[in-house]
């Protein structure tokens, strides 16, 4: 294990406190229970801009992208972060098939790049500690997806 600073621990605790804010908690809960689109078109059809659902999506994605940016800059040790923040991976997994369309539409290859990079490292870290766990988690999430 690498050395962790008090600043990193304090930043982790502040990020955790932010996650506990009532509106963000509500958005996260909704996202985990209801956000399962397979394409950008399906997302726009189900969650129109300006709707409460769309606002939940924006809140969750912006929070986790901000957190990923902090982690990617080394302000929090990867291992410290990865040990207790699996939700970021679930969020990325839910949007990873949609992101290429967003990047093309916005002509911006960096859209959600923070999330992607942090989650690639998280997957590598997890695979090193528990080989096969990424595949198993994706299979579990697929089975838990509501049947349409």
C-alpha atoms as a PDB file:
ATOM      1  CA  UNK A   1       0.000   0.000   0.000  1.00  0.00           C
ATOM      2  CA  UNK A   2       1.199   3.463  -0.791  1.00  0.00           C
ATOM      3  CA  UNK A   3       1.326   6.340   1.661  1.00  0.00           C
ATOM      4  CA  UNK A   4      -1.849   8.375   1.906  1.00  0.00           C
ATOM      5  CA  UNK A   5      -1.822  12.001   3.004  1.00  0.00           C
ATOM      6  CA  UNK A   6      -4.257  13.667   5.364  1.00  0.00           C
ATOM      7  CA  UNK A   7      -5.195  15.988   2.510  1.00  0.00           C
ATOM      8  CA  UNK A   8      -6.238  13.019   0.375  1.00  0.00           C
ATOM      9  CA  UNK A   9      -8.321  11.588   3.208  1.00  0.00           C
ATOM     10  CA  UNK A  10      -9.948  14.955   3.853  1.00  0.00           C
ATOM     11  CA  UNK A  11     -10.745  15.392   0.161  1.00  0.00           C
ATOM     12  CA  UNK A  12     -12.253  11.884   0.067  1.00  0.00           C
ATOM     13  CA  UNK A  13     -14.437  12.757   3.057  1.00  0.00           C
ATOM     14  CA  UNK A  14     -15.548  16.022   1.427  1.00  0.00           C
ATOM     15  CA  UNK A  15     -16.494  14.177  -1.754  1.00  0.00           C
ATOM     16  CA  UNK A  16     -18.407  11.664   0.342  1.00  0.00           C
ATOM     17  CA  UNK A  17     -20.247  14.491   2.110  1.00  0.00           C
ATOM     18  CA  UNK A  18     -21.203  15.905  -1.292  1.00  0.00           C
ATOM     19  CA  UNK A  19     -22.628  12.511  -2.261  1.00  0.00           C
ATOM     20  CA  UNK A  20     -24.837  12.637   0.815  1.00  0.00           C
ATOM     21  CA  UNK A  21     -26.463  15.932  -0.201  1.00  0.00           C
ATOM     22  CA  UNK A  22     -30.197  15.199  -0.515  1.00  0.00           C
ATOM     23  CA  UNK A  23     -30.700  16.229  -4.151  1.00  0.00           C
ATOM     24  CA  UNK A  24     -27.589  14.434  -5.383  1.00  0.00           C
ATOM     25  CA  UNK A  25     -28.516  11.336  -3.362  1.00  0.00           C
ATOM     26  CA  UNK A  26     -31.961  11.376  -4.999  1.00  0.00           C
ATOM     27  CA  UNK A  27     -30.432  11.744  -8.473  1.00  0.00           C
ATOM     28  CA  UNK A  28     -27.934   8.942  -7.837  1.00  0.00           C
ATOM     29  CA  UNK A  29     -30.653   6.627  -6.593  1.00  0.00           C
ATOM     30  CA  UNK A  30     -32.809   7.358  -9.635  1.00  0.00           C
ATOM     31  CA  UNK A  31     -29.850   6.887 -11.994  1.00  0.00           C
ATOM     32  CA  UNK A  32     -28.878   3.518 -10.561  1.00  0.00           C
ATOM     33  CA  UNK A  33     -32.471   2.249 -10.629  1.00  0.00           C
ATOM     34  CA  UNK A  34     -33.722   3.696 -13.918  1.00  0.00           C
ATOM     35  CA  UNK A  35     -30.929   4.702 -16.297  1.00  0.00           C
ATOM     36  CA  UNK A  36     -30.414   1.797 -18.700  1.00  0.00           C
ATOM     37  CA  UNK A  37     -30.546   3.172 -22.274  1.00  0.00           C
ATOM     38  CA  UNK A  38     -28.780   1.195 -24.966  1.00  0.00           C
ATOM     39  CA  UNK A  39     -28.382   4.123 -27.352  1.00  0.00           C
ATOM     40  CA  UNK A  40     -28.408   7.920 -27.427  1.00  0.00           C
ATOM     41  CA  UNK A  41     -31.738   7.816 -29.262  1.00  0.00           C
ATOM     42  CA  UNK A  42     -33.302   5.678 -26.557  1.00  0.00           C
ATOM     43  CA  UNK A  43     -31.937   8.030 -23.917  1.00  0.00           C
ATOM     44  CA  UNK A  44     -33.391  11.123 -25.591  1.00  0.00           C
ATOM     45  CA  UNK A  45     -36.695   9.357 -26.166  1.00  0.00           C
ATOM     46  CA  UNK A  46     -37.044   8.319 -22.515  1.00  0.00           C
ATOM     47  CA  UNK A  47     -35.392  11.282 -20.789  1.00  0.00           C
ATOM     48  CA  UNK A  48     -36.172  14.509 -22.612  1.00  0.00           C
ATOM     49  CA  UNK A  49     -34.060  17.610 -21.957  1.00  0.00           C
ATOM     50  CA  UNK A  50     -35.574  19.673 -19.163  1.00  0.00           C
ATOM     51  CA  UNK A  51     -37.284  16.711 -17.511  1.00  0.00           C
ATOM     52  CA  UNK A  52     -36.539  15.713 -13.929  1.00  0.00           C
ATOM     53  CA  UNK A  53     -34.955  12.526 -15.252  1.00  0.00           C
ATOM     54  CA  UNK A  54     -32.673  14.453 -17.598  1.00  0.00           C
ATOM     55  CA  UNK A  55     -31.646  16.705 -14.715  1.00  0.00           C
ATOM     56  CA  UNK A  56     -30.855  13.619 -12.626  1.00  0.00           C
ATOM     57  CA  UNK A  57     -28.625  12.314 -15.403  1.00  0.00           C
ATOM     58  CA  UNK A  58     -26.788  15.624 -15.719  1.00  0.00           C
ATOM     59  CA  UNK A  59     -26.292  15.860 -11.955  1.00  0.00           C
ATOM     60  CA  UNK A  60     -24.890  12.335 -11.632  1.00  0.00           C
ATOM     61  CA  UNK A  61     -22.643  12.575 -14.688  1.00  0.00           C
ATOM     62  CA  UNK A  62     -21.255  15.993 -13.779  1.00  0.00           C
ATOM     63  CA  UNK A  63     -20.566  14.910 -10.181  1.00  0.00           C
ATOM     64  CA  UNK A  64     -18.707  11.733 -11.151  1.00  0.00           C
ATOM     65  CA  UNK A  65     -16.845  13.424 -14.015  1.00  0.00           C
ATOM     66  CA  UNK A  66     -15.661  16.099 -11.578  1.00  0.00           C
ATOM     67  CA  UNK A  67     -14.551  13.417  -9.108  1.00  0.00           C
ATOM     68  CA  UNK A  68     -12.746  11.539 -11.887  1.00  0.00           C
ATOM     69  CA  UNK A  69     -10.928  14.739 -12.822  1.00  0.00           C
ATOM     70  CA  UNK A  70      -9.701  15.086  -9.240  1.00  0.00           C
ATOM     71  CA  UNK A  71      -8.557  11.463  -9.130  1.00  0.00           C
ATOM     72  CA  UNK A  72      -6.909  11.658 -12.562  1.00  0.00           C
ATOM     73  CA  UNK A  73      -4.819  14.602 -11.417  1.00  0.00           C
ATOM     74  CA  UNK A  74      -3.436  12.546  -8.536  1.00  0.00           C
ATOM     75  CA  UNK A  75      -5.117  14.600  -5.815  1.00  0.00           C
ATOM     76  CA  UNK A  76      -6.459  11.353  -4.361  1.00  0.00           C
ATOM     77  CA  UNK A  77      -4.485   8.145  -4.419  1.00  0.00           C
ATOM     78  CA  UNK A  78      -6.031   5.694  -6.903  1.00  0.00           C
ATOM     79  CA  UNK A  79      -6.046   2.771  -4.494  1.00  0.00           C
ATOM     80  CA  UNK A  80      -7.634   4.810  -1.708  1.00  0.00           C
ATOM     81  CA  UNK A  81     -10.319   5.978  -4.100  1.00  0.00           C
ATOM     82  CA  UNK A  82     -10.930   2.636  -5.811  1.00  0.00           C
ATOM     83  CA  UNK A  83     -11.349   0.758  -2.539  1.00  0.00           C
ATOM     84  CA  UNK A  84     -14.590   2.556  -1.714  1.00  0.00           C
ATOM     85  CA  UNK A  85     -15.977   4.115  -4.895  1.00  0.00           C
ATOM     86  CA  UNK A  86     -17.378   1.479  -7.226  1.00  0.00           C
ATOM     87  CA  UNK A  87     -20.370   3.621  -8.171  1.00  0.00           C
ATOM     88  CA  UNK A  88     -18.232   5.662 -10.560  1.00  0.00           C
ATOM     89  CA  UNK A  89     -17.628   2.487 -12.560  1.00  0.00           C
ATOM     90  CA  UNK A  90     -21.362   1.707 -12.735  1.00  0.00           C
ATOM     91  CA  UNK A  91     -22.019   5.228 -14.010  1.00  0.00           C
ATOM     92  CA  UNK A  92     -19.341   4.891 -16.687  1.00  0.00           C
ATOM     93  CA  UNK A  93     -20.584   1.441 -17.666  1.00  0.00           C
ATOM     94  CA  UNK A  94     -24.094   2.828 -18.180  1.00  0.00           C
ATOM     95  CA  UNK A  95     -22.917   5.617 -20.525  1.00  0.00           C
ATOM     96  CA  UNK A  96     -19.898   4.100 -22.284  1.00  0.00           C
ATOM     97  CA  UNK A  97     -21.872   3.019 -25.350  1.00  0.00           C
ATOM     98  CA  UNK A  98     -23.469   6.484 -25.633  1.00  0.00           C
ATOM     99  CA  UNK A  99     -20.348   8.606 -25.166  1.00  0.00           C
ATOM    100  CA  UNK A 100     -18.919   8.133 -28.699  1.00  0.00           C
ATOM    101  CA  UNK A 101     -22.108   9.637 -30.152  1.00  0.00           C
ATOM    102  CA  UNK A 102     -21.915  12.580 -27.748  1.00  0.00           C
ATOM    103  CA  UNK A 103     -18.250  13.137 -28.618  1.00  0.00           C
ATOM    104  CA  UNK A 104     -19.079  13.179 -32.329  1.00  0.00           C
ATOM    105  CA  UNK A 105     -22.134  15.418 -31.887  1.00  0.00           C
ATOM    106  CA  UNK A 106     -20.221  17.955 -29.801  1.00  0.00           C
ATOM    107  CA  UNK A 107     -17.077  17.583 -31.926  1.00  0.00           C
ATOM    108  CA  UNK A 108     -15.256  17.108 -28.646  1.00  0.00           C
ATOM    109  CA  UNK A 109     -13.242  13.915 -28.090  1.00  0.00           C
ATOM    110  CA  UNK A 110     -12.788  14.794 -24.419  1.00  0.00           C
ATOM    111  CA  UNK A 111     -16.459  14.531 -23.387  1.00  0.00           C
ATOM    112  CA  UNK A 112     -16.432  12.325 -20.269  1.00  0.00           C
ATOM    113  CA  UNK A 113     -12.797  11.448 -20.860  1.00  0.00           C
ATOM    114  CA  UNK A 114     -12.141  11.910 -17.134  1.00  0.00           C
ATOM    115  CA  UNK A 115     -14.661   9.193 -16.322  1.00  0.00           C
ATOM    116  CA  UNK A 116     -13.307   6.897 -19.000  1.00  0.00           C
ATOM    117  CA  UNK A 117      -9.675   7.239 -17.897  1.00  0.00           C
ATOM    118  CA  UNK A 118     -10.410   6.806 -14.181  1.00  0.00           C
ATOM    119  CA  UNK A 119     -12.575   3.770 -14.859  1.00  0.00           C
ATOM    120  CA  UNK A 120      -9.958   2.139 -17.084  1.00  0.00           C
ATOM    121  CA  UNK A 121      -7.523   2.370 -14.191  1.00  0.00           C
ATOM    122  CA  UNK A 122     -10.169   1.156 -11.754  1.00  0.00           C
ATOM    123  CA  UNK A 123     -10.833  -1.884 -13.968  1.00  0.00           C
ATOM    124  CA  UNK A 124      -7.117  -2.674 -14.228  1.00  0.00           C
ATOM    125  CA  UNK A 125      -6.731  -2.293 -10.449  1.00  0.00           C
ATOM    126  CA  UNK A 126      -9.775  -4.499  -9.799  1.00  0.00           C
ATOM    127  CA  UNK A 127      -8.663  -7.129 -12.329  1.00  0.00           C
ATOM    128  CA  UNK A 128      -5.239  -7.337 -10.697  1.00  0.00           C
ATOM    129  CA  UNK A 129      -6.837  -7.905  -7.283  1.00  0.00           C
ATOM    130  CA  UNK A 130      -9.727 -10.085  -8.440  1.00  0.00           C
ATOM    131  CA  UNK A 131      -9.283 -11.522 -11.941  1.00  0.00           C
ATOM    132  CA  UNK A 132     -12.568 -11.883 -13.793  1.00  0.00           C
ATOM    133  CA  UNK A 133     -14.481  -9.533 -11.501  1.00  0.00           C
ATOM    134  CA  UNK A 134     -15.095  -6.885 -14.177  1.00  0.00           C
ATOM    135  CA  UNK A 135     -16.751  -9.396 -16.477  1.00  0.00           C
ATOM    136  CA  UNK A 136     -18.752 -10.844 -13.578  1.00  0.00           C
ATOM    137  CA  UNK A 137     -19.957  -7.388 -12.541  1.00  0.00           C
ATOM    138  CA  UNK A 138     -21.050  -6.531 -16.089  1.00  0.00           C
ATOM    139  CA  UNK A 139     -22.931  -9.827 -16.297  1.00  0.00           C
ATOM    140  CA  UNK A 140     -24.669  -9.160 -12.970  1.00  0.00           C
ATOM    141  CA  UNK A 141     -25.619  -5.654 -14.068  1.00  0.00           C
ATOM    142  CA  UNK A 142     -26.958  -6.996 -17.373  1.00  0.00           C
ATOM    143  CA  UNK A 143     -29.096  -9.550 -15.536  1.00  0.00           C
ATOM    144  CA  UNK A 144     -30.411  -6.857 -13.201  1.00  0.00           C
ATOM    145  CA  UNK A 145     -31.365  -4.599 -16.130  1.00  0.00           C
ATOM    146  CA  UNK A 146     -35.144  -4.271 -16.457  1.00  0.00           C
ATOM    147  CA  UNK A 147     -36.587  -6.435 -19.207  1.00  0.00           C
ATOM    148  CA  UNK A 148     -38.320  -4.343 -21.861  1.00  0.00           C
END
